Amino acid sequence: MTAKAGDLDEQIGRLTRLRDSLQHAAVCDYEPIVDCPDFKRAVGNVPEPAITPSESVC
């Protein structure tokens, strides 16, 4: 059961990143979207930097 719970946590993480990246892509004007730092964070490719909300690129 512990292994299955861990598998579910991983799947939830992947689905959450997918949802967040799709929501961001729907409103982002950055071209190309795959180079957008906020999009990259949404899909989990880069760590969250220490920036203020006013510094967001999108």
C-alpha atoms as a PDB file:
ATOM      1  CA  MET A   1       0.000   0.000   0.000  1.00  0.00           C
ATOM      2  CA  THR A   2       2.854   2.393   0.747  1.00  0.00           C
ATOM      3  CA  ALA A   3       4.338   1.866  -2.723  1.00  0.00           C
ATOM      4  CA  LYS A   4       0.950   2.457  -4.350  1.00  0.00           C
ATOM      5  CA  ALA A   5       0.484   5.640  -2.321  1.00  0.00           C
ATOM      6  CA  GLY A   6       3.891   6.841  -3.535  1.00  0.00           C
ATOM      7  CA  ASP A   7       2.944   6.057  -7.128  1.00  0.00           C
ATOM      8  CA  LEU A   8      -0.266   8.041  -6.725  1.00  0.00           C
ATOM      9  CA  ASP A   9       1.648  11.003  -5.281  1.00  0.00           C
ATOM     10  CA  GLU A  10       3.937  10.990  -8.341  1.00  0.00           C
ATOM     11  CA  GLN A  11       0.979  10.808 -10.700  1.00  0.00           C
ATOM     12  CA  ILE A  12      -0.782  13.640  -8.862  1.00  0.00           C
ATOM     13  CA  GLY A  13       2.375  15.740  -9.174  1.00  0.00           C
ATOM     14  CA  ARG A  14       2.603  15.109 -12.928  1.00  0.00           C
ATOM     15  CA  LEU A  15      -1.079  15.906 -13.448  1.00  0.00           C
ATOM     16  CA  THR A  16      -0.837  19.059 -11.337  1.00  0.00           C
ATOM     17  CA  ARG A  17       2.121  20.284 -13.413  1.00  0.00           C
ATOM     18  CA  LEU A  18       0.220  19.482 -16.608  1.00  0.00           C
ATOM     19  CA  ARG A  19      -2.856  21.389 -15.410  1.00  0.00           C
ATOM     20  CA  ASP A  20      -0.777  24.376 -14.294  1.00  0.00           C
ATOM     21  CA  SER A  21       1.165  24.498 -17.558  1.00  0.00           C
ATOM     22  CA  LEU A  22      -2.021  24.336 -19.646  1.00  0.00           C
ATOM     23  CA  GLN A  23      -3.668  27.078 -17.595  1.00  0.00           C
ATOM     24  CA  HIS A  24      -0.603  29.273 -17.983  1.00  0.00           C
ATOM     25  CA  ALA A  25      -0.251  28.591 -21.708  1.00  0.00           C
ATOM     26  CA  ALA A  26      -3.871  29.653 -22.226  1.00  0.00           C
ATOM     27  CA  VAL A  27      -3.132  33.218 -21.070  1.00  0.00           C
ATOM     28  CA  CYS A  28       0.595  33.728 -21.735  1.00  0.00           C
ATOM     29  CA  ASP A  29       1.770  36.002 -24.570  1.00  0.00           C
ATOM     30  CA  TYR A  30       5.420  34.875 -24.392  1.00  0.00           C
ATOM     31  CA  GLU A  31       6.774  33.622 -27.729  1.00  0.00           C
ATOM     32  CA  PRO A  32       7.597  30.798 -27.948  1.00  0.00           C
ATOM     33  CA  ILE A  33       5.679  29.542 -24.924  1.00  0.00           C
ATOM     34  CA  VAL A  34       8.271  26.840 -24.201  1.00  0.00           C
ATOM     35  CA  ASP A  35      10.851  29.571 -23.469  1.00  0.00           C
ATOM     36  CA  CYS A  36       8.622  31.370 -20.955  1.00  0.00           C
ATOM     37  CA  PRO A  37      10.151  31.128 -17.459  1.00  0.00           C
ATOM     38  CA  ASP A  38       6.713  30.959 -15.839  1.00  0.00           C
ATOM     39  CA  PHE A  39       5.675  28.154 -18.196  1.00  0.00           C
ATOM     40  CA  LYS A  40       8.878  26.257 -17.433  1.00  0.00           C
ATOM     41  CA  ARG A  41       8.168  26.556 -13.716  1.00  0.00           C
ATOM     42  CA  ALA A  42       4.598  25.371 -14.265  1.00  0.00           C
ATOM     43  CA  VAL A  43       5.815  22.181 -15.911  1.00  0.00           C
ATOM     44  CA  GLY A  44       8.512  21.731 -13.309  1.00  0.00           C
ATOM     45  CA  ASN A  45      11.580  22.196 -15.529  1.00  0.00           C
ATOM     46  CA  VAL A  46      13.249  24.914 -13.481  1.00  0.00           C
ATOM     47  CA  PRO A  47      13.193  25.862  -9.805  1.00  0.00           C
ATOM     48  CA  GLU A  48      11.142  28.792  -8.563  1.00  0.00           C
ATOM     49  CA  PRO A  49      13.370  31.900  -8.326  1.00  0.00           C
ATOM     50  CA  ALA A  50      12.994  34.439  -5.552  1.00  0.00           C
ATOM     51  CA  ILE A  51      11.075  37.166  -7.455  1.00  0.00           C
ATOM     52  CA  THR A  52       8.208  39.426  -6.556  1.00  0.00           C
ATOM     53  CA  PRO A  53       4.885  39.052  -8.407  1.00  0.00           C
ATOM     54  CA  SER A  54       5.517  42.342 -10.222  1.00  0.00           C
ATOM     55  CA  GLU A  55       8.616  40.790 -11.833  1.00  0.00           C
ATOM     56  CA  SER A  56       6.650  38.009 -13.526  1.00  0.00           C
ATOM     57  CA  VAL A  57       7.129  37.933 -17.301  1.00  0.00           C
ATOM     58  CA  CYS A  58       3.504  37.056 -18.109  1.00  0.00           C
END
